[in-house]
Protein backbone atom coordinates (compact mmCIF):
# COMPACT_ATOMS: atom_id res chain seq x y z
CA MET A 1 12.50 14.03 -75.01
CA THR A 2 12.84 16.63 -72.43
CA ARG A 3 13.59 15.63 -68.97
CA ARG A 4 11.66 17.22 -66.25
CA THR A 5 13.27 17.58 -62.88
CA SER A 6 11.11 18.20 -59.93
CA ARG A 7 12.15 20.27 -57.03
CA GLY A 8 10.65 20.46 -53.56
CA VAL A 9 7.94 18.40 -51.97
CA SER A 10 4.40 18.09 -53.20
CA LEU A 11 1.40 18.83 -51.03
CA VAL A 12 0.37 15.16 -50.93
CA GLU A 13 3.78 14.07 -49.68
CA SER A 14 3.67 16.75 -46.98
CA LEU A 15 0.24 15.62 -45.79
CA VAL A 16 1.32 11.97 -45.65
CA ALA A 17 4.42 12.89 -43.66
CA LEU A 18 2.29 14.97 -41.28
CA LEU A 19 -0.16 12.06 -40.84
CA VAL A 20 2.65 9.61 -40.03
CA LEU A 21 4.19 12.05 -37.58
CA SER A 22 0.87 12.72 -35.81
CA ILE A 23 0.14 8.98 -35.43
CA GLY A 24 3.57 8.55 -33.89
CA MET A 25 2.98 11.44 -31.48
CA LEU A 26 -0.37 9.95 -30.42
CA GLY A 27 1.40 6.66 -29.70
CA ILE A 28 4.02 8.42 -27.60
CA ALA A 29 1.29 10.29 -25.65
CA ALA A 30 -0.56 7.03 -24.92
CA LEU A 31 2.70 5.43 -23.81
CA PHE A 32 3.40 8.37 -21.49
CA VAL A 33 -0.06 8.15 -19.88
CA GLU A 34 0.35 4.40 -19.34
CA SER A 35 3.80 4.98 -17.84
CA VAL A 36 2.40 7.51 -15.33
CA ARG A 37 -0.40 5.09 -14.40
CA ASN A 38 2.04 2.23 -13.85
CA SER A 39 4.28 4.46 -11.74
CA ARG A 40 1.32 5.35 -9.51
CA THR A 41 0.40 1.68 -9.15
CA ALA A 42 3.99 0.81 -8.24
CA LEU A 43 4.09 3.60 -5.66
CA LEU A 44 0.83 2.47 -4.04
CA ARG A 45 1.98 -1.15 -3.91
CA THR A 46 5.25 -0.09 -2.33
CA GLN A 47 3.34 1.94 0.25
CA ALA A 48 1.10 -1.06 0.98
CA ILE A 49 4.15 -3.28 1.51
CA ASN A 50 5.71 -0.69 3.81
CA LEU A 51 2.46 -0.37 5.81
CA VAL A 52 2.11 -4.11 6.28
CA THR A 53 5.79 -4.43 7.22
CA ASP A 54 5.42 -1.55 9.69
CA MET A 55 2.58 -3.29 11.52
CA GLY A 56 4.52 -6.56 11.51
CA ASP A 57 7.44 -4.78 13.18
CA ARG A 58 5.10 -3.22 15.75
CA ILE A 59 3.67 -6.64 16.58
CA ARG A 60 7.16 -8.13 16.95
CA ALA A 61 8.23 -5.25 19.20
CA ASN A 62 5.19 -5.78 21.46
CA ALA A 63 5.03 -9.57 21.25
CA THR A 64 3.23 -10.05 24.57
CA ALA A 65 0.10 -8.13 23.45
CA GLY A 66 -1.38 -11.18 21.68
CA ASN A 67 -4.96 -10.69 20.52
CA ALA A 68 -4.93 -6.98 21.46
CA TYR A 69 -3.74 -6.41 17.87
CA ASP A 70 -6.78 -8.18 16.37
CA THR A 71 -8.94 -5.56 14.63
CA THR A 72 -11.90 -7.94 14.31
CA LEU A 73 -12.11 -8.63 18.06
CA ASN A 74 -11.40 -5.23 19.55
CA GLY A 75 -13.35 -2.74 17.43
CA ALA A 76 -12.10 0.71 16.53
CA PRO A 77 -8.86 1.55 18.35
CA THR A 78 -8.18 4.93 19.92
CA THR A 79 -4.92 6.76 20.39
CA ARG A 80 -3.50 6.24 23.89
CA GLY A 81 -0.42 8.47 23.67
CA CYS A 82 1.96 5.61 24.44
CA ALA A 83 4.58 6.45 21.83
CA PRO A 84 6.34 9.80 21.58
CA SER A 85 5.11 12.08 18.81
CA THR A 86 5.69 15.63 17.68
CA THR A 87 3.13 16.91 20.21
CA GLU A 88 3.45 14.43 23.09
CA THR A 89 6.31 12.87 25.01
CA GLY A 90 4.58 9.49 25.31
CA GLY A 91 3.81 7.56 28.45
CA ASN A 92 4.05 4.18 30.08
CA CYS A 93 1.33 1.86 28.82
CA THR A 94 0.37 -1.76 29.17
CA ALA A 95 1.04 -4.10 26.26
CA ALA A 96 -2.67 -3.99 25.30
CA ALA A 97 -2.79 -0.17 25.43
CA LEU A 98 0.36 0.04 23.29
CA ALA A 99 -1.24 -2.36 20.79
CA GLU A 100 -4.34 -0.15 20.61
CA ASP A 101 -2.17 2.92 20.17
CA ASP A 102 -0.17 1.18 17.42
CA LEU A 103 -3.37 0.16 15.61
CA ALA A 104 -4.91 3.64 15.81
CA GLY A 105 -1.82 5.30 14.35
CA TRP A 106 -1.39 2.61 11.71
CA LEU A 107 -5.02 2.75 10.54
CA GLU A 108 -4.80 6.53 10.25
CA THR A 109 -1.65 6.20 8.14
CA VAL A 110 -3.33 3.64 5.88
CA GLN A 111 -6.24 6.04 5.28
CA THR A 112 -3.77 8.82 4.49
CA LEU A 113 -1.43 6.95 2.12
CA LEU A 114 -3.77 4.69 0.15
CA PRO A 115 -6.39 6.16 -2.20
CA THR A 116 -10.16 6.36 -1.85
CA PHE A 117 -11.79 5.76 -5.23
CA ASP A 118 -15.51 5.56 -6.08
CA GLY A 119 -16.35 5.67 -2.38
CA ALA A 120 -14.25 2.57 -1.65
CA GLU A 121 -11.97 3.52 1.23
CA PRO A 122 -8.80 1.52 1.89
CA THR A 123 -9.13 -1.17 4.54
CA ALA A 124 -6.56 -2.52 6.96
CA THR A 125 -6.98 -5.54 9.21
CA VAL A 126 -4.94 -7.58 11.63
CA THR A 127 -6.21 -11.00 12.66
CA TYR A 128 -4.79 -13.04 15.51
CA GLY A 129 -4.33 -16.79 15.48
CA PRO A 130 -3.70 -18.23 18.95
CA PRO A 131 -1.16 -21.01 19.42
CA VAL A 132 -2.46 -24.44 18.49
CA LEU A 133 -0.30 -26.11 21.14
CA VAL A 134 0.72 -24.77 24.53
CA GLY A 135 3.94 -22.82 24.03
CA GLY A 136 3.45 -22.81 20.25
CA PRO A 137 3.77 -19.83 17.95
CA GLU A 138 1.14 -17.10 17.63
CA ARG A 139 0.14 -16.07 14.11
CA PHE A 140 -0.99 -12.67 12.91
CA THR A 141 -2.26 -11.88 9.42
CA VAL A 142 -1.76 -8.24 8.43
CA ARG A 143 -3.67 -7.08 5.33
CA VAL A 144 -4.30 -3.80 3.50
CA ALA A 145 -6.65 -3.37 0.51
CA TRP A 146 -7.45 -0.41 -1.74
CA ARG A 147 -9.04 0.39 -5.09
CA GLU A 148 -7.35 2.31 -7.87
CA PRO A 149 -8.91 4.21 -10.77
CA GLY A 150 -9.57 1.86 -13.67
CA GLU A 151 -9.66 -1.27 -11.49
CA ASP A 152 -12.86 -3.26 -10.98
CA ALA A 153 -11.68 -5.07 -7.86
CA ASP A 154 -9.67 -4.14 -4.80
CA LEU A 155 -5.93 -4.63 -4.80
CA SER A 156 -4.50 -6.04 -1.58
CA TYR A 157 -1.32 -7.07 0.12
CA GLN A 158 -1.01 -9.27 3.16
CA THR A 159 1.60 -11.07 5.16
CA ASP A 160 1.72 -13.44 8.09
CA VAL A 161 3.70 -12.64 11.21
CA VAL A 162 4.68 -15.58 13.41
CA ILE A 163 5.74 -14.95 17.00
CA ILE A 164 7.64 -17.87 18.48
CA PRO A 165 7.71 -17.75 22.29
CA ARG A 166 11.11 -17.35 23.85
CA GLN A 167 12.39 -20.21 25.91
CA PRO A 168 13.33 -19.28 29.48
CA GLN A 169 17.07 -18.94 30.08
CA SER A 170 18.42 -21.48 32.52
């Protein structure tokens, strides 16, 4: 009985090892693509939250404007130059003109930061709810919506802003 010792790796073993390695690499590539997609989704959702919060802060800062912030009542807003910018020093405006200026700048920012996909442009709305009782709080609903690649429906984020009237100091 002679004992045979084998040395090296056979061709079949090499091919099997190559197959296992390539399947693993394909799995890693798919995981990487999914990770990039989820990072984009997280970024867009963070931007949506920041946009809605920004408009809420603008409404709180100009609390006397009331329904001037309502995008369904007032149509398309135009820039009034109320706030300082890189090209203008800003000017004195009424509460309603400042609200229109805020809305125009905010809507432009929404169009810039959120994606347009398959012809579906991002939308941004502010709706005003008047006080139910005299001296009661005013309610604003601020909403942004957008569509991402691979999604069948729009994604959206909204929040309610409640403005409680200040009581006169005695």
